[in-house]
Every structure is written in C-alpha cells, then in structure tokens.
Amino acid sequence: MIFAVAFLGFAVLHSLLASRAVKSRVIKAIPVLRWYYRLLYNMLALVTLGLVWFLAPVEHQLLYRAEPPVQWLLHLIQLGALAGLWLSLRHAGSSAFLGLVQLRDARRSETNYDLDEPASAQIAISGPFRYMRHPLYVFSIILLIAHPIMTLKWALFTLCCILYFVIGSRFEERRLLARFGDSYAEYRKQVPAFIPIILHKLYSNE
C-alpha cells in the first residue's frame, strides 16, 4: 500500500509538471527556464522514481523465476522492447525529448519556443508511431512484463506503471491536441493508441 501511494505521488507530480498550465506559469515567471525545463523535468522524474523504488517498503516475495529456455526467450523479448524504445525515441526526436536541443538553443539564445519545446517541433508520425500513438509506453510495458524474475515489488511496480501509462496518455494527448490541433486529431483518428494498427485491424474485423 505504501509503495502504491508513493508511486501515486510520483505520478501526480510528474503529470502536473508536464501540464501546459504549470509549464506556462513557470516559464512566464522565469523565462530562461524554457531551455532547461525539459532536462530538469527528466532529472526530477528519475530522482523521484528512484526514491519510490528504494524507499517505499514492499515485502520481498518471489512470485516466480523463469528458467532456461523460457528465461532466454524473455530476455530476447526484452531486447526487442529495448530496440523498440530506442527506435521510438529516435523518431520522437530524442535530443528534444531529453532536453539536449534546448541546451543548444540556450547557447544560441533561440527564443522561438512553445513553452519548453522548439516551435518548429512536429508530431512524431514515422517509425513505430505509424502503427501506434504511444510506442514508448507499449515497449516499456513489454520490458517490464517480460522480466524473468518476478517479485511482488516488481509486479506492483509494473501494475502501477501500466495504469500510469494508460491514464497519463490521456493527459498527454490533451496537451498534443492543444498544441497541434486538427493535425493531431486526424492522426489520432487513424492510428490506435496502444494496439499496433495491424493487430487493431485484425481485431476489429473479427
């Protein structure tokens, strides 16, 4: 229970800081933060998630341990998920996602920004984004579920992450609609959120 509450606190803080309303107020008060907000946001997310993992107590109970060859298969699935994450980040613009482009723009005093992102940023619709709107979440879920050693803590963490990805994606899409308007609305009509579009079509035709 303590772990779930701690994760909820992380999720609420993470979502609030990602909202356009909070970003707008912060950057309006301190304009220079337009270049550093994304990097600081990512660093804070890592620190707070680490605090949840290491400080929130959960009983150390082993649920199962996969043995070879199942263990090897699960590791192979995880490697595939990592490759999917890397590919998704590339097509999402990993430098801007991590806040590195913003650091470059700070040195150039570039101010053509939409809050904490360059105004020239486009919707990611290539690569894995052609088949699902949230490949970063999907590949992260696969990576978590395919862990060959499942403890009570890892299972609870995985469940919390899945719930957060599903709920958080709704808030994320509201932000994207607010920024990109009809172009994102049209993309959302054509591409499913989590189930790859090929599987989604097969499921719909059943």
Protein backbone atom coordinates (compact mmCIF):
# COMPACT_ATOMS: atom_id res chain seq x y z
CA MET A 1 0.00 0.00 0.00
CA ILE A 2 2.81 2.44 0.89
CA PHE A 3 4.51 1.69 -2.41
CA ALA A 4 1.29 2.34 -4.38
CA VAL A 5 0.71 5.63 -2.54
CA ALA A 6 4.32 6.69 -3.13
CA PHE A 7 4.02 5.85 -6.83
CA LEU A 8 0.77 7.81 -7.00
CA GLY A 9 2.60 10.81 -5.57
CA PHE A 10 5.28 10.43 -8.24
CA ALA A 11 2.63 10.12 -10.97
CA VAL A 12 0.70 13.21 -9.83
CA LEU A 13 3.87 15.32 -9.58
CA HIS A 14 5.11 14.08 -12.95
CA SER A 15 1.78 14.83 -14.64
CA LEU A 16 1.41 18.26 -13.07
CA LEU A 17 4.89 19.34 -14.13
CA ALA A 18 4.18 18.08 -17.66
CA SER A 19 0.95 20.09 -17.97
CA ARG A 20 0.90 23.15 -20.17
CA ALA A 21 -0.68 25.19 -17.39
CA VAL A 22 2.20 24.58 -14.98
CA LYS A 23 4.84 24.98 -17.67
CA SER A 24 3.27 28.26 -18.77
CA ARG A 25 3.27 29.69 -15.25
CA VAL A 26 6.84 28.60 -14.53
CA ILE A 27 8.29 29.84 -17.81
CA LYS A 28 6.34 33.09 -17.61
CA ALA A 29 7.82 33.68 -14.15
CA ILE A 30 11.34 32.56 -15.16
CA PRO A 31 11.67 32.82 -18.98
CA VAL A 32 15.17 31.34 -19.04
CA LEU A 33 13.72 28.02 -17.91
CA ARG A 34 12.26 27.44 -21.40
CA TRP A 35 15.68 25.98 -22.27
CA TYR A 36 16.19 23.95 -19.10
CA TYR A 37 12.70 22.86 -18.09
CA ARG A 38 12.70 19.57 -20.04
CA LEU A 39 16.11 18.47 -18.78
CA LEU A 40 15.26 19.36 -15.17
CA TYR A 41 11.89 17.62 -15.56
CA ASN A 42 13.56 14.41 -16.74
CA MET A 43 16.15 14.53 -13.97
CA LEU A 44 13.48 15.10 -11.33
CA ALA A 45 11.46 12.18 -12.73
CA LEU A 46 14.46 9.85 -12.40
CA VAL A 47 15.23 11.01 -8.87
CA THR A 48 11.65 10.78 -7.59
CA LEU A 49 11.08 7.39 -9.25
CA GLY A 50 14.31 6.17 -7.68
CA LEU A 51 13.13 7.36 -4.27
CA VAL A 52 9.85 5.48 -4.72
CA TRP A 53 11.68 2.30 -5.69
CA PHE A 54 14.33 2.33 -2.97
CA LEU A 55 12.48 3.92 -0.03
CA ALA A 56 8.90 2.63 -0.29
CA PRO A 57 8.82 -0.75 1.50
CA VAL A 58 7.40 -3.87 -0.16
CA GLU A 59 7.65 -7.41 1.14
CA HIS A 60 10.46 -9.28 -0.66
CA GLN A 61 8.41 -12.15 -2.01
CA LEU A 62 9.39 -14.15 -5.10
CA LEU A 63 6.37 -14.88 -7.30
CA TYR A 64 8.22 -16.85 -9.97
CA ARG A 65 11.60 -17.27 -11.60
CA ALA A 66 11.71 -18.32 -15.24
CA GLU A 67 14.31 -20.96 -16.05
CA PRO A 68 16.00 -21.62 -19.40
CA PRO A 69 14.88 -21.80 -22.14
CA VAL A 70 11.91 -19.60 -21.08
CA GLN A 71 14.35 -17.21 -19.38
CA TRP A 72 16.26 -16.80 -22.64
CA LEU A 73 13.04 -16.17 -24.55
CA LEU A 74 12.00 -13.47 -22.05
CA HIS A 75 15.42 -11.79 -22.33
CA LEU A 76 15.06 -11.86 -26.11
CA ILE A 77 11.67 -10.17 -25.80
CA GLN A 78 13.23 -7.55 -23.52
CA LEU A 79 15.99 -6.90 -26.04
CA GLY A 80 13.33 -6.43 -28.71
CA ALA A 81 11.49 -3.99 -26.43
CA LEU A 82 14.71 -2.04 -25.82
CA ALA A 83 15.28 -1.85 -29.58
CA GLY A 84 11.70 -0.61 -29.96
CA LEU A 85 12.26 2.04 -27.30
CA TRP A 86 15.45 3.22 -28.99
CA LEU A 87 13.74 3.38 -32.39
CA SER A 88 10.75 5.22 -30.92
CA LEU A 89 12.99 7.77 -29.22
CA ARG A 90 14.83 8.37 -32.49
CA HIS A 91 11.59 9.10 -34.34
CA ALA A 92 10.21 11.17 -31.45
CA GLY A 93 13.31 13.36 -31.54
CA SER A 94 15.41 12.02 -28.68
CA SER A 95 17.51 15.17 -28.34
CA ALA A 96 14.48 17.39 -27.76
CA PHE A 97 12.80 14.68 -25.64
CA LEU A 98 15.84 14.59 -23.33
CA GLY A 99 16.26 18.38 -23.34
CA LEU A 100 19.56 18.46 -25.24
CA VAL A 101 18.30 20.53 -28.17
CA GLN A 102 17.09 23.09 -25.66
CA LEU A 103 20.59 23.35 -24.17
CA ARG A 104 21.98 24.05 -27.64
CA ASP A 105 19.32 26.71 -28.20
CA ALA A 106 20.22 28.30 -24.85
CA ARG A 107 23.74 28.92 -26.13
CA ARG A 108 22.29 30.47 -29.28
CA SER A 109 19.65 32.46 -27.35
CA GLU A 110 16.95 30.92 -29.57
CA THR A 111 13.55 32.11 -28.32
CA ASN A 112 11.17 30.73 -30.96
CA TYR A 113 9.65 28.30 -28.48
CA ASP A 114 6.32 26.80 -27.50
CA LEU A 115 6.85 26.65 -23.73
CA ASP A 116 9.75 24.19 -23.26
CA GLU A 117 9.89 22.90 -26.85
CA PRO A 118 11.17 24.48 -30.08
CA ALA A 119 8.23 25.93 -32.01
CA SER A 120 9.40 24.01 -35.08
CA ALA A 121 8.74 20.62 -33.43
CA GLN A 122 6.41 18.34 -35.34
CA ILE A 123 4.14 15.43 -34.38
CA ALA A 124 6.01 12.13 -34.43
CA ILE A 125 4.20 10.00 -37.03
CA SER A 126 7.06 7.95 -38.50
CA GLY A 127 8.67 4.69 -37.41
CA PRO A 128 6.72 2.94 -34.63
CA PHE A 129 4.42 5.97 -34.42
CA ARG A 130 2.93 4.91 -37.76
CA TYR A 131 1.38 1.89 -36.06
CA MET A 132 0.52 3.13 -32.55
CA ARG A 133 0.38 6.52 -30.88
CA HIS A 134 2.28 5.53 -27.75
CA PRO A 135 5.08 3.10 -28.68
CA LEU A 136 7.28 4.34 -25.83
CA TYR A 137 4.66 3.19 -23.34
CA VAL A 138 3.99 -0.09 -25.14
CA PHE A 139 7.64 -1.11 -25.32
CA SER A 140 8.16 -0.07 -21.69
CA ILE A 141 5.25 -2.30 -20.63
CA ILE A 142 6.68 -5.24 -22.60
CA LEU A 143 10.08 -4.68 -20.99
CA LEU A 144 8.54 -4.74 -17.51
CA ILE A 145 6.24 -7.72 -18.05
CA ALA A 146 8.96 -9.86 -19.66
CA HIS A 147 11.24 -9.69 -16.61
CA PRO A 148 12.20 -13.33 -15.91
CA ILE A 149 12.38 -12.84 -12.13
CA MET A 150 9.02 -11.62 -10.87
CA THR A 151 8.89 -10.42 -7.28
CA LEU A 152 5.95 -8.85 -5.50
CA LYS A 153 7.66 -5.46 -5.72
CA TRP A 154 8.35 -5.77 -9.46
CA ALA A 155 4.79 -6.93 -10.11
CA LEU A 156 3.36 -3.99 -8.15
CA PHE A 157 5.72 -1.58 -9.92
CA THR A 158 4.69 -3.00 -13.30
CA LEU A 159 0.99 -2.67 -12.49
CA CYS A 160 1.45 0.93 -11.32
CA CYS A 161 3.39 1.78 -14.47
CA ILE A 162 0.73 0.28 -16.74
CA LEU A 163 -2.03 2.23 -15.00
CA TYR A 164 0.04 5.41 -15.18
CA PHE A 165 0.82 4.93 -18.89
CA VAL A 166 -2.84 4.38 -19.75
CA ILE A 167 -4.15 7.29 -17.66
CA GLY A 168 -1.20 9.56 -18.41
CA SER A 169 -1.59 9.03 -22.15
CA ARG A 170 -4.97 10.76 -21.98
CA PHE A 171 -3.45 13.87 -20.43
CA GLU A 172 -0.57 13.74 -22.90
CA GLU A 173 -2.97 13.66 -25.82
CA ARG A 174 -4.84 16.66 -24.45
CA ARG A 175 -1.55 18.59 -24.47
CA LEU A 176 -0.83 17.46 -28.03
CA LEU A 177 -4.31 18.47 -29.17
CA ALA A 178 -3.87 21.87 -27.53
CA ARG A 179 -0.62 22.39 -29.38
CA PHE A 180 -1.16 20.76 -32.79
CA GLY A 181 -4.94 20.96 -33.09
CA ASP A 182 -6.58 19.33 -36.12
CA SER A 183 -3.39 17.67 -37.36
CA TYR A 184 -3.10 15.63 -34.18
CA ALA A 185 -6.84 14.98 -34.08
CA GLU A 186 -6.63 13.47 -37.57
CA TYR A 187 -3.60 11.37 -36.60
CA ARG A 188 -5.48 10.12 -33.54
CA LYS A 189 -8.40 9.03 -35.73
CA GLN A 190 -6.16 6.98 -38.00
CA VAL A 191 -3.72 5.37 -35.52
CA PRO A 192 -4.68 3.39 -32.38
CA ALA A 193 -3.20 4.27 -29.02
CA PHE A 194 -1.57 1.05 -27.81
CA ILE A 195 -2.51 -1.90 -30.03
CA PRO A 196 -0.40 -1.80 -33.23
CA ILE A 197 -2.57 -0.80 -36.17
CA ILE A 198 -2.21 -4.17 -37.96
CA LEU A 199 -3.41 -6.11 -34.90
CA HIS A 200 -6.08 -3.48 -34.29
CA LYS A 201 -7.50 -4.02 -37.78
CA LEU A 202 -7.45 -7.80 -37.36
CA TYR A 203 -9.25 -7.49 -34.02
CA SER A 204 -11.81 -5.07 -35.47
CA ASN A 205 -12.60 -7.44 -38.34
CA GLU A 206 -13.35 -10.42 -36.06
